[in-house]
All heavy atoms as atom14 arrays in JSON, in Angstrom:
{
  "sequence": "SRFLYNNHDVELLGGFLRHATGMPADEMAARFLFAPLGITAWDWGT",
  "atom14_mask": [
    [1, 1, 1, 1, 1, 1, 0, 0, 0, 0, 0, 0, 0, 0],
    [1, 1, 1, 1, 1, 1, 1, 1, 1, 1, 1, 0, 0, 0],
    [1, 1, 1, 1, 1, 1, 1, 1, 1, 1, 1, 0, 0, 0],
    [1, 1, 1, 1, 1, 1, 1, 1, 0, 0, 0, 0, 0, 0],
    [1, 1, 1, 1, 1, 1, 1, 1, 1, 1, 1, 1, 0, 0],
    [1, 1, 1, 1, 1, 1, 1, 1, 0, 0, 0, 0, 0, 0],
    [1, 1, 1, 1, 1, 1, 1, 1, 0, 0, 0, 0, 0, 0],
    [1, 1, 1, 1, 1, 1, 1, 1, 1, 1, 0, 0, 0, 0],
    [1, 1, 1, 1, 1, 1, 1, 1, 0, 0, 0, 0, 0, 0],
    [1, 1, 1, 1, 1, 1, 1, 0, 0, 0, 0, 0, 0, 0],
    [1, 1, 1, 1, 1, 1, 1, 1, 1, 0, 0, 0, 0, 0],
    [1, 1, 1, 1, 1, 1, 1, 1, 0, 0, 0, 0, 0, 0],
    [1, 1, 1, 1, 1, 1, 1, 1, 0, 0, 0, 0, 0, 0],
    [1, 1, 1, 1, 0, 0, 0, 0, 0, 0, 0, 0, 0, 0],
    [1, 1, 1, 1, 0, 0, 0, 0, 0, 0, 0, 0, 0, 0],
    [1, 1, 1, 1, 1, 1, 1, 1, 1, 1, 1, 0, 0, 0],
    [1, 1, 1, 1, 1, 1, 1, 1, 0, 0, 0, 0, 0, 0],
    [1, 1, 1, 1, 1, 1, 1, 1, 1, 1, 1, 0, 0, 0],
    [1, 1, 1, 1, 1, 1, 1, 1, 1, 1, 0, 0, 0, 0],
    [1, 1, 1, 1, 1, 0, 0, 0, 0, 0, 0, 0, 0, 0],
    [1, 1, 1, 1, 1, 1, 1, 0, 0, 0, 0, 0, 0, 0],
    [1, 1, 1, 1, 0, 0, 0, 0, 0, 0, 0, 0, 0, 0],
    [1, 1, 1, 1, 1, 1, 1, 1, 0, 0, 0, 0, 0, 0],
    [1, 1, 1, 1, 1, 1, 1, 0, 0, 0, 0, 0, 0, 0],
    [1, 1, 1, 1, 1, 0, 0, 0, 0, 0, 0, 0, 0, 0],
    [1, 1, 1, 1, 1, 1, 1, 1, 0, 0, 0, 0, 0, 0],
    [1, 1, 1, 1, 1, 1, 1, 1, 1, 0, 0, 0, 0, 0],
    [1, 1, 1, 1, 1, 1, 1, 1, 0, 0, 0, 0, 0, 0],
    [1, 1, 1, 1, 1, 0, 0, 0, 0, 0, 0, 0, 0, 0],
    [1, 1, 1, 1, 1, 0, 0, 0, 0, 0, 0, 0, 0, 0],
    [1, 1, 1, 1, 1, 1, 1, 1, 1, 1, 1, 0, 0, 0],
    [1, 1, 1, 1, 1, 1, 1, 1, 1, 1, 1, 0, 0, 0],
    [1, 1, 1, 1, 1, 1, 1, 1, 0, 0, 0, 0, 0, 0],
    [1, 1, 1, 1, 1, 1, 1, 1, 1, 1, 1, 0, 0, 0],
    [1, 1, 1, 1, 1, 0, 0, 0, 0, 0, 0, 0, 0, 0],
    [1, 1, 1, 1, 1, 1, 1, 0, 0, 0, 0, 0, 0, 0],
    [1, 1, 1, 1, 1, 1, 1, 1, 0, 0, 0, 0, 0, 0],
    [1, 1, 1, 1, 0, 0, 0, 0, 0, 0, 0, 0, 0, 0],
    [1, 1, 1, 1, 1, 1, 1, 1, 0, 0, 0, 0, 0, 0],
    [1, 1, 1, 1, 1, 1, 1, 0, 0, 0, 0, 0, 0, 0],
    [1, 1, 1, 1, 1, 0, 0, 0, 0, 0, 0, 0, 0, 0],
    [1, 1, 1, 1, 1, 1, 1, 1, 1, 1, 1, 1, 1, 1],
    [1, 1, 1, 1, 1, 1, 1, 1, 0, 0, 0, 0, 0, 0],
    [1, 1, 1, 1, 1, 1, 1, 1, 1, 1, 1, 1, 1, 1],
    [1, 1, 1, 1, 0, 0, 0, 0, 0, 0, 0, 0, 0, 0],
    [1, 1, 1, 1, 1, 1, 1, 0, 0, 0, 0, 0, 0, 0]
  ],
  "atom14_positions": [
    [[18.54, 13.77, -5.94], [19.02, 15.05, -6.47], [18.03, 15.74, -7.39], [18.14, 16.93, -7.63], [20.34, 14.84, -7.22], [20.14, 14.09, -8.41], [0.0, 0.0, 0.0], [0.0, 0.0, 0.0], [0.0, 0.0, 0.0], [0.0, 0.0, 0.0], [0.0, 0.0, 0.0], [0.0, 0.0, 0.0], [0.0, 0.0, 0.0], [0.0, 0.0, 0.0]],
    [[17.09, 14.99, -7.92], [16.15, 15.57, -8.88], [14.82, 14.84, -8.77], [14.77, 13.64, -8.59], [16.71, 15.43, -10.28], [15.87, 16.11, -11.3], [16.62, 16.33, -12.56], [15.68, 16.9, -13.52], [15.88, 16.92, -14.79], [17.0, 16.47, -15.28], [14.98, 17.44, -15.59], [0.0, 0.0, 0.0], [0.0, 0.0, 0.0], [0.0, 0.0, 0.0]],
    [[13.74, 15.59, -8.91], [12.41, 15.01, -8.81], [11.93, 14.52, -10.17], [11.87, 15.28, -11.13], [11.42, 16.05, -8.28], [10.0, 15.55, -8.26], [9.57, 14.74, -7.23], [9.11, 15.89, -9.27], [8.26, 14.28, -7.2], [7.81, 15.43, -9.25], [7.38, 14.63, -8.21], [0.0, 0.0, 0.0], [0.0, 0.0, 0.0], [0.0, 0.0, 0.0]],
    [[11.63, 13.24, -10.24], [10.99, 12.64, -11.42], [10.03, 11.57, -10.91], [10.46, 10.49, -10.52], [12.02, 11.99, -12.36], [12.98, 12.92, -13.08], [14.09, 12.13, -13.76], [12.24, 13.77, -14.09], [0.0, 0.0, 0.0], [0.0, 0.0, 0.0], [0.0, 0.0, 0.0], [0.0, 0.0, 0.0], [0.0, 0.0, 0.0], [0.0, 0.0, 0.0]],
    [[8.75, 11.89, -10.85], [7.78, 10.91, -10.37], [7.67, 9.78, -11.37], [7.63, 10.0, -12.58], [6.4, 11.54, -10.16], [5.4, 10.52, -9.67], [5.32, 10.23, -8.32], [4.59, 9.84, -10.56], [4.43, 9.28, -7.86], [3.7, 8.88, -10.11], [3.62, 8.6, -8.76], [2.75, 7.64, -8.31], [0.0, 0.0, 0.0], [0.0, 0.0, 0.0]],
    [[7.6, 8.56, -10.86], [7.52, 7.4, -11.73], [6.69, 6.32, -11.02], [7.07, 5.86, -9.95], [8.95, 6.88, -12.01], [8.98, 5.72, -12.95], [8.19, 4.8, -12.86], [9.93, 5.77, -13.86], [0.0, 0.0, 0.0], [0.0, 0.0, 0.0], [0.0, 0.0, 0.0], [0.0, 0.0, 0.0], [0.0, 0.0, 0.0], [0.0, 0.0, 0.0]],
    [[5.58, 5.91, -11.63], [4.73, 4.87, -11.02], [5.48, 3.56, -10.8], [5.18, 2.85, -9.84], [3.51, 4.6, -11.9], [2.44, 5.63, -11.74], [2.48, 6.47, -10.85], [1.45, 5.59, -12.6], [0.0, 0.0, 0.0], [0.0, 0.0, 0.0], [0.0, 0.0, 0.0], [0.0, 0.0, 0.0], [0.0, 0.0, 0.0], [0.0, 0.0, 0.0]],
    [[6.42, 3.24, -11.65], [7.16, 1.98, -11.48], [7.91, 1.96, -10.16], [7.99, 0.94, -9.48], [8.12, 1.75, -12.65], [7.44, 1.63, -13.96], [6.63, 0.56, -14.28], [7.43, 2.44, -15.04], [6.16, 0.72, -15.5], [6.62, 1.86, -15.99], [0.0, 0.0, 0.0], [0.0, 0.0, 0.0], [0.0, 0.0, 0.0], [0.0, 0.0, 0.0]],
    [[8.48, 3.11, -9.79], [9.19, 3.18, -8.51], [8.23, 3.0, -7.34], [8.57, 2.38, -6.34], [9.92, 4.52, -8.38], [11.02, 4.68, -9.42], [11.47, 3.66, -9.99], [11.43, 5.82, -9.68], [0.0, 0.0, 0.0], [0.0, 0.0, 0.0], [0.0, 0.0, 0.0], [0.0, 0.0, 0.0], [0.0, 0.0, 0.0], [0.0, 0.0, 0.0]],
    [[7.03, 3.55, -7.46], [6.03, 3.4, -6.4], [5.64, 1.93, -6.26], [5.43, 1.45, -5.15], [4.8, 4.29, -6.68], [3.72, 4.08, -5.64], [5.23, 5.76, -6.71], [0.0, 0.0, 0.0], [0.0, 0.0, 0.0], [0.0, 0.0, 0.0], [0.0, 0.0, 0.0], [0.0, 0.0, 0.0], [0.0, 0.0, 0.0], [0.0, 0.0, 0.0]],
    [[5.58, 1.21, -7.36], [5.27, -0.21, -7.29], [6.3, -0.98, -6.46], [5.97, -1.94, -5.77], [5.15, -0.82, -8.69], [3.93, -0.39, -9.46], [2.62, -0.64, -8.72], [2.5, -1.65, -8.0], [1.73, 0.2, -8.85], [0.0, 0.0, 0.0], [0.0, 0.0, 0.0], [0.0, 0.0, 0.0], [0.0, 0.0, 0.0], [0.0, 0.0, 0.0]],
    [[7.55, -0.54, -6.52], [8.58, -1.18, -5.7], [8.24, -1.07, -4.21], [8.52, -1.99, -3.44], [9.95, -0.55, -5.96], [10.6, -0.87, -7.29], [11.87, -0.06, -7.46], [10.88, -2.35, -7.42], [0.0, 0.0, 0.0], [0.0, 0.0, 0.0], [0.0, 0.0, 0.0], [0.0, 0.0, 0.0], [0.0, 0.0, 0.0], [0.0, 0.0, 0.0]],
    [[7.64, 0.04, -3.82], [7.26, 0.22, -2.42], [6.3, -0.87, -1.95], [6.4, -1.35, -0.83], [6.63, 1.59, -2.2], [7.52, 2.79, -2.41], [6.73, 4.08, -2.26], [8.69, 2.77, -1.45], [0.0, 0.0, 0.0], [0.0, 0.0, 0.0], [0.0, 0.0, 0.0], [0.0, 0.0, 0.0], [0.0, 0.0, 0.0], [0.0, 0.0, 0.0]],
    [[5.37, -1.25, -2.83], [4.45, -2.33, -2.48], [5.19, -3.63, -2.21], [4.88, -4.38, -1.28], [0.0, 0.0, 0.0], [0.0, 0.0, 0.0], [0.0, 0.0, 0.0], [0.0, 0.0, 0.0], [0.0, 0.0, 0.0], [0.0, 0.0, 0.0], [0.0, 0.0, 0.0], [0.0, 0.0, 0.0], [0.0, 0.0, 0.0], [0.0, 0.0, 0.0]],
    [[6.21, -3.91, -3.04], [7.02, -5.11, -2.82], [7.85, -5.03, -1.55], [7.96, -6.01, -0.81], [0.0, 0.0, 0.0], [0.0, 0.0, 0.0], [0.0, 0.0, 0.0], [0.0, 0.0, 0.0], [0.0, 0.0, 0.0], [0.0, 0.0, 0.0], [0.0, 0.0, 0.0], [0.0, 0.0, 0.0], [0.0, 0.0, 0.0], [0.0, 0.0, 0.0]],
    [[8.42, -3.87, -1.28], [9.2, -3.7, -0.05], [8.31, -3.87, 1.18], [8.69, -4.5, 2.15], [9.87, -2.32, -0.01], [10.9, -2.09, -1.07], [11.07, -0.83, -1.61], [11.7, -3.12, -1.55], [12.02, -0.59, -2.59], [12.65, -2.9, -2.53], [12.81, -1.63, -3.05], [0.0, 0.0, 0.0], [0.0, 0.0, 0.0], [0.0, 0.0, 0.0]],
    [[7.12, -3.3, 1.1], [6.17, -3.4, 2.2], [5.79, -4.86, 2.45], [5.8, -5.33, 3.59], [4.92, -2.57, 1.89], [3.85, -2.51, 2.95], [4.36, -1.81, 4.2], [2.63, -1.8, 2.42], [0.0, 0.0, 0.0], [0.0, 0.0, 0.0], [0.0, 0.0, 0.0], [0.0, 0.0, 0.0], [0.0, 0.0, 0.0], [0.0, 0.0, 0.0]],
    [[5.48, -5.57, 1.4], [5.13, -6.98, 1.52], [6.29, -7.79, 2.1], [6.1, -8.64, 2.97], [4.7, -7.54, 0.16], [4.22, -8.98, 0.24], [3.69, -9.46, -1.09], [4.79, -9.61, -2.02], [4.73, -9.34, -3.33], [3.62, -8.91, -3.86], [5.76, -9.5, -4.09], [0.0, 0.0, 0.0], [0.0, 0.0, 0.0], [0.0, 0.0, 0.0]],
    [[7.5, -7.49, 1.65], [8.67, -8.21, 2.14], [8.91, -7.92, 3.63], [9.21, -8.82, 4.41], [9.9, -7.83, 1.32], [11.16, -8.49, 1.77], [11.43, -9.82, 1.52], [12.21, -8.02, 2.49], [12.6, -10.14, 2.05], [13.09, -9.06, 2.65], [0.0, 0.0, 0.0], [0.0, 0.0, 0.0], [0.0, 0.0, 0.0], [0.0, 0.0, 0.0]],
    [[8.75, -6.65, 4.03], [9.02, -6.25, 5.41], [7.96, -6.72, 6.4], [8.26, -7.01, 7.55], [9.16, -4.73, 5.49], [0.0, 0.0, 0.0], [0.0, 0.0, 0.0], [0.0, 0.0, 0.0], [0.0, 0.0, 0.0], [0.0, 0.0, 0.0], [0.0, 0.0, 0.0], [0.0, 0.0, 0.0], [0.0, 0.0, 0.0], [0.0, 0.0, 0.0]],
    [[6.7, -6.78, 5.95], [5.61, -7.08, 6.88], [4.98, -8.45, 6.68], [4.22, -8.91, 7.53], [4.48, -6.03, 6.74], [3.88, -6.17, 5.45], [5.02, -4.63, 6.95], [0.0, 0.0, 0.0], [0.0, 0.0, 0.0], [0.0, 0.0, 0.0], [0.0, 0.0, 0.0], [0.0, 0.0, 0.0], [0.0, 0.0, 0.0], [0.0, 0.0, 0.0]],
    [[5.22, -9.05, 5.52], [4.56, -10.32, 5.2], [3.14, -10.14, 4.72], [2.42, -11.11, 4.53], [0.0, 0.0, 0.0], [0.0, 0.0, 0.0], [0.0, 0.0, 0.0], [0.0, 0.0, 0.0], [0.0, 0.0, 0.0], [0.0, 0.0, 0.0], [0.0, 0.0, 0.0], [0.0, 0.0, 0.0], [0.0, 0.0, 0.0], [0.0, 0.0, 0.0]],
    [[2.7, -8.88, 4.54], [1.33, -8.59, 4.1], [1.37, -7.73, 2.84], [2.19, -6.82, 2.75], [0.56, -7.82, 5.17], [0.24, -8.59, 6.42], [-0.76, -7.57, 7.55], [0.54, -6.69, 8.41], [0.0, 0.0, 0.0], [0.0, 0.0, 0.0], [0.0, 0.0, 0.0], [0.0, 0.0, 0.0], [0.0, 0.0, 0.0], [0.0, 0.0, 0.0]],
    [[0.46, -7.98, 1.91], [0.33, -7.05, 0.79], [-0.25, -5.72, 1.28], [-0.86, -5.65, 2.36], [-0.62, -7.76, -0.17], [-1.36, -8.74, 0.66], [-0.46, -9.11, 1.8], [0.0, 0.0, 0.0], [0.0, 0.0, 0.0], [0.0, 0.0, 0.0], [0.0, 0.0, 0.0], [0.0, 0.0, 0.0], [0.0, 0.0, 0.0], [0.0, 0.0, 0.0]],
    [[-0.08, -4.69, 0.49], [-0.48, -3.33, 0.89], [-1.96, -3.25, 1.26], [-2.32, -2.6, 2.24], [-0.17, -2.34, -0.23], [0.0, 0.0, 0.0], [0.0, 0.0, 0.0], [0.0, 0.0, 0.0], [0.0, 0.0, 0.0], [0.0, 0.0, 0.0], [0.0, 0.0, 0.0], [0.0, 0.0, 0.0], [0.0, 0.0, 0.0], [0.0, 0.0, 0.0]],
    [[-2.83, -3.93, 0.5], [-4.26, -3.84, 0.79], [-4.61, -4.48, 2.12], [-5.41, -3.95, 2.89], [-5.11, -4.41, -0.36], [-4.8, -5.85, -0.71], [-3.74, -6.39, -0.29], [-5.61, -6.44, -1.44], [0.0, 0.0, 0.0], [0.0, 0.0, 0.0], [0.0, 0.0, 0.0], [0.0, 0.0, 0.0], [0.0, 0.0, 0.0], [0.0, 0.0, 0.0]],
    [[-3.98, -5.59, 2.43], [-4.25, -6.27, 3.72], [-3.73, -5.43, 4.89], [-4.41, -5.27, 5.91], [-3.57, -7.63, 3.71], [-3.86, -8.49, 4.91], [-3.18, -9.84, 4.8], [-3.25, -10.47, 3.74], [-2.56, -10.25, 5.81], [0.0, 0.0, 0.0], [0.0, 0.0, 0.0], [0.0, 0.0, 0.0], [0.0, 0.0, 0.0], [0.0, 0.0, 0.0]],
    [[-2.55, -4.86, 4.72], [-1.98, -4.04, 5.79], [-2.83, -2.78, 6.01], [-3.11, -2.4, 7.15], [-0.55, -3.66, 5.46], [0.14, -2.95, 6.59], [1.87, -2.73, 6.22], [2.35, -1.81, 7.65], [0.0, 0.0, 0.0], [0.0, 0.0, 0.0], [0.0, 0.0, 0.0], [0.0, 0.0, 0.0], [0.0, 0.0, 0.0], [0.0, 0.0, 0.0]],
    [[-3.23, -2.13, 4.91], [-4.06, -0.92, 5.02], [-5.4, -1.25, 5.68], [-5.88, -0.5, 6.53], [-4.28, -0.3, 3.65], [0.0, 0.0, 0.0], [0.0, 0.0, 0.0], [0.0, 0.0, 0.0], [0.0, 0.0, 0.0], [0.0, 0.0, 0.0], [0.0, 0.0, 0.0], [0.0, 0.0, 0.0], [0.0, 0.0, 0.0], [0.0, 0.0, 0.0]],
    [[-6.01, -2.37, 5.3], [-7.3, -2.75, 5.87], [-7.19, -2.92, 7.38], [-8.05, -2.46, 8.14], [-7.82, -4.03, 5.22], [0.0, 0.0, 0.0], [0.0, 0.0, 0.0], [0.0, 0.0, 0.0], [0.0, 0.0, 0.0], [0.0, 0.0, 0.0], [0.0, 0.0, 0.0], [0.0, 0.0, 0.0], [0.0, 0.0, 0.0], [0.0, 0.0, 0.0]],
    [[-6.14, -3.55, 7.81], [-5.98, -3.87, 9.23], [-5.54, -2.68, 10.07], [-6.09, -2.43, 11.14], [-4.95, -4.99, 9.35], [-4.73, -5.48, 10.75], [-3.85, -6.69, 10.74], [-3.5, -7.08, 12.09], [-2.61, -7.99, 12.38], [-1.98, -8.61, 11.41], [-2.36, -8.29, 13.62], [0.0, 0.0, 0.0], [0.0, 0.0, 0.0], [0.0, 0.0, 0.0]],
    [[-4.54, -1.94, 9.59], [-3.92, -0.92, 10.43], [-4.36, 0.51, 10.13], [-4.08, 1.4, 10.93], [-2.4, -1.01, 10.34], [-1.85, -2.3, 10.88], [-1.33, -3.25, 10.03], [-1.89, -2.56, 12.24], [-0.82, -4.45, 10.52], [-1.4, -3.75, 12.75], [-0.86, -4.71, 11.89], [0.0, 0.0, 0.0], [0.0, 0.0, 0.0], [0.0, 0.0, 0.0]],
    [[-5.02, 0.73, 9.01], [-5.45, 2.09, 8.67], [-6.96, 2.18, 8.49], [-7.63, 2.95, 9.17], [-4.73, 2.57, 7.4], [-5.04, 4.01, 6.96], [-4.57, 5.01, 8.0], [-4.38, 4.28, 5.61], [0.0, 0.0, 0.0], [0.0, 0.0, 0.0], [0.0, 0.0, 0.0], [0.0, 0.0, 0.0], [0.0, 0.0, 0.0], [0.0, 0.0, 0.0]],
    [[-7.5, 1.38, 7.6], [-8.93, 1.48, 7.3], [-9.8, 1.11, 8.5], [-10.75, 1.82, 8.81], [-9.3, 0.61, 6.1], [-8.62, 0.99, 4.81], [-8.58, 0.09, 3.76], [-8.03, 2.23, 4.63], [-7.97, 0.42, 2.56], [-7.42, 2.57, 3.44], [-7.38, 1.66, 2.4], [0.0, 0.0, 0.0], [0.0, 0.0, 0.0], [0.0, 0.0, 0.0]],
    [[-9.49, 0.02, 9.17], [-10.32, -0.4, 10.32], [-10.36, 0.67, 11.41], [-11.44, 1.05, 11.86], [-9.85, -1.75, 10.87], [0.0, 0.0, 0.0], [0.0, 0.0, 0.0], [0.0, 0.0, 0.0], [0.0, 0.0, 0.0], [0.0, 0.0, 0.0], [0.0, 0.0, 0.0], [0.0, 0.0, 0.0], [0.0, 0.0, 0.0], [0.0, 0.0, 0.0]],
    [[-9.2, 1.21, 11.85], [-9.27, 2.25, 12.88], [-10.01, 3.51, 12.45], [-10.6, 4.2, 13.28], [-7.8, 2.57, 13.17], [-7.04, 1.37, 12.74], [-7.81, 0.8, 11.59], [0.0, 0.0, 0.0], [0.0, 0.0, 0.0], [0.0, 0.0, 0.0], [0.0, 0.0, 0.0], [0.0, 0.0, 0.0], [0.0, 0.0, 0.0], [0.0, 0.0, 0.0]],
    [[-9.98, 3.82, 11.14], [-10.67, 5.01, 10.64], [-12.14, 4.75, 10.3], [-12.86, 5.67, 9.92], [-9.97, 5.56, 9.39], [-8.55, 6.07, 9.57], [-7.98, 6.57, 8.25], [-8.48, 7.15, 10.62], [0.0, 0.0, 0.0], [0.0, 0.0, 0.0], [0.0, 0.0, 0.0], [0.0, 0.0, 0.0], [0.0, 0.0, 0.0], [0.0, 0.0, 0.0]],
    [[-12.58, 3.52, 10.44], [-13.96, 3.19, 10.11], [-14.22, 3.17, 8.6], [-15.36, 3.34, 8.17], [0.0, 0.0, 0.0], [0.0, 0.0, 0.0], [0.0, 0.0, 0.0], [0.0, 0.0, 0.0], [0.0, 0.0, 0.0], [0.0, 0.0, 0.0], [0.0, 0.0, 0.0], [0.0, 0.0, 0.0], [0.0, 0.0, 0.0], [0.0, 0.0, 0.0]],
    [[-13.19, 2.95, 7.82], [-13.34, 2.84, 6.36], [-13.71, 1.41, 6.05], [-12.94, 0.48, 6.31], [-12.04, 3.26, 5.64], [-11.74, 4.73, 5.93], [-12.15, 3.01, 4.14], [-10.4, 5.22, 5.4], [0.0, 0.0, 0.0], [0.0, 0.0, 0.0], [0.0, 0.0, 0.0], [0.0, 0.0, 0.0], [0.0, 0.0, 0.0], [0.0, 0.0, 0.0]],
    [[-14.92, 1.22, 5.53], [-15.43, -0.13, 5.31], [-15.61, -0.49, 3.84], [-15.83, -1.65, 3.52], [-16.79, -0.3, 6.02], [-17.69, 0.67, 5.51], [-16.64, -0.14, 7.54], [0.0, 0.0, 0.0], [0.0, 0.0, 0.0], [0.0, 0.0, 0.0], [0.0, 0.0, 0.0], [0.0, 0.0, 0.0], [0.0, 0.0, 0.0], [0.0, 0.0, 0.0]],
    [[-15.54, 0.48, 2.96], [-15.73, 0.22, 1.53], [-14.58, 0.82, 0.73], [-14.3, 2.01, 0.85], [-17.06, 0.81, 1.06], [0.0, 0.0, 0.0], [0.0, 0.0, 0.0], [0.0, 0.0, 0.0], [0.0, 0.0, 0.0], [0.0, 0.0, 0.0], [0.0, 0.0, 0.0], [0.0, 0.0, 0.0], [0.0, 0.0, 0.0], [0.0, 0.0, 0.0]],
    [[-13.9, -0.01, -0.02], [-12.84, 0.46, -0.9], [-12.65, -0.58, -1.99], [-13.12, -1.71, -1.89], [-11.52, 0.69, -0.16], [-10.89, -0.56, 0.37], [-10.01, -1.39, -0.28], [-11.09, -1.14, 1.65], [-9.66, -2.45, 0.53], [-10.32, -2.32, 1.71], [-11.86, -0.79, 2.75], [-10.29, -3.13, 2.83], [-11.82, -1.62, 3.86], [-11.05, -2.76, 3.9]],
    [[-11.96, -0.19, -3.02], [-11.65, -1.1, -4.12], [-10.17, -0.97, -4.43], [-9.68, 0.12, -4.71], [-12.48, -0.75, -5.37], [-12.13, -1.61, -6.57], [-11.51, -2.69, -6.39], [-12.47, -1.21, -7.69], [0.0, 0.0, 0.0], [0.0, 0.0, 0.0], [0.0, 0.0, 0.0], [0.0, 0.0, 0.0], [0.0, 0.0, 0.0], [0.0, 0.0, 0.0]],
    [[-9.47, -2.07, -4.32], [-8.05, -2.08, -4.63], [-7.77, -3.28, -5.54], [-6.76, -3.94, -5.43], [-7.23, -2.17, -3.36], [-5.89, -1.52, -3.45], [-5.16, -1.26, -4.57], [-5.11, -1.06, -2.35], [-3.99, -0.65, -4.24], [-3.94, -0.52, -2.87], [-5.29, -1.05, -0.99], [-2.93, 0.02, -2.07], [-4.3, -0.52, -0.2], [-3.13, 0.01, -0.73]],
    [[-8.7, -3.54, -6.44], [-8.6, -4.72, -7.29], [-7.9, -4.51, -8.61], [-7.49, -5.45, -9.26], [0.0, 0.0, 0.0], [0.0, 0.0, 0.0], [0.0, 0.0, 0.0], [0.0, 0.0, 0.0], [0.0, 0.0, 0.0], [0.0, 0.0, 0.0], [0.0, 0.0, 0.0], [0.0, 0.0, 0.0], [0.0, 0.0, 0.0], [0.0, 0.0, 0.0]],
    [[-7.73, -3.26, -9.03], [-7.12, -2.98, -10.32], [-5.64, -3.31, -10.31], [-4.94, -3.0, -9.35], [-7.3, -1.48, -10.67], [-8.68, -1.18, -10.62], [-6.75, -1.16, -12.04], [0.0, 0.0, 0.0], [0.0, 0.0, 0.0], [0.0, 0.0, 0.0], [0.0, 0.0, 0.0], [0.0, 0.0, 0.0], [0.0, 0.0, 0.0], [0.0, 0.0, 0.0]]
  ]
}
């Protein structure tokens, strides 16, 4: 009903993704997004 952006809520998405796929977001992105796009350098360590 109302827009309030919140980073904590976005973090929940990472957990839902891991639960649904068995992969953390960085592993899933590397395999299904970055590799097909030819993205070879990224940092997701923070």
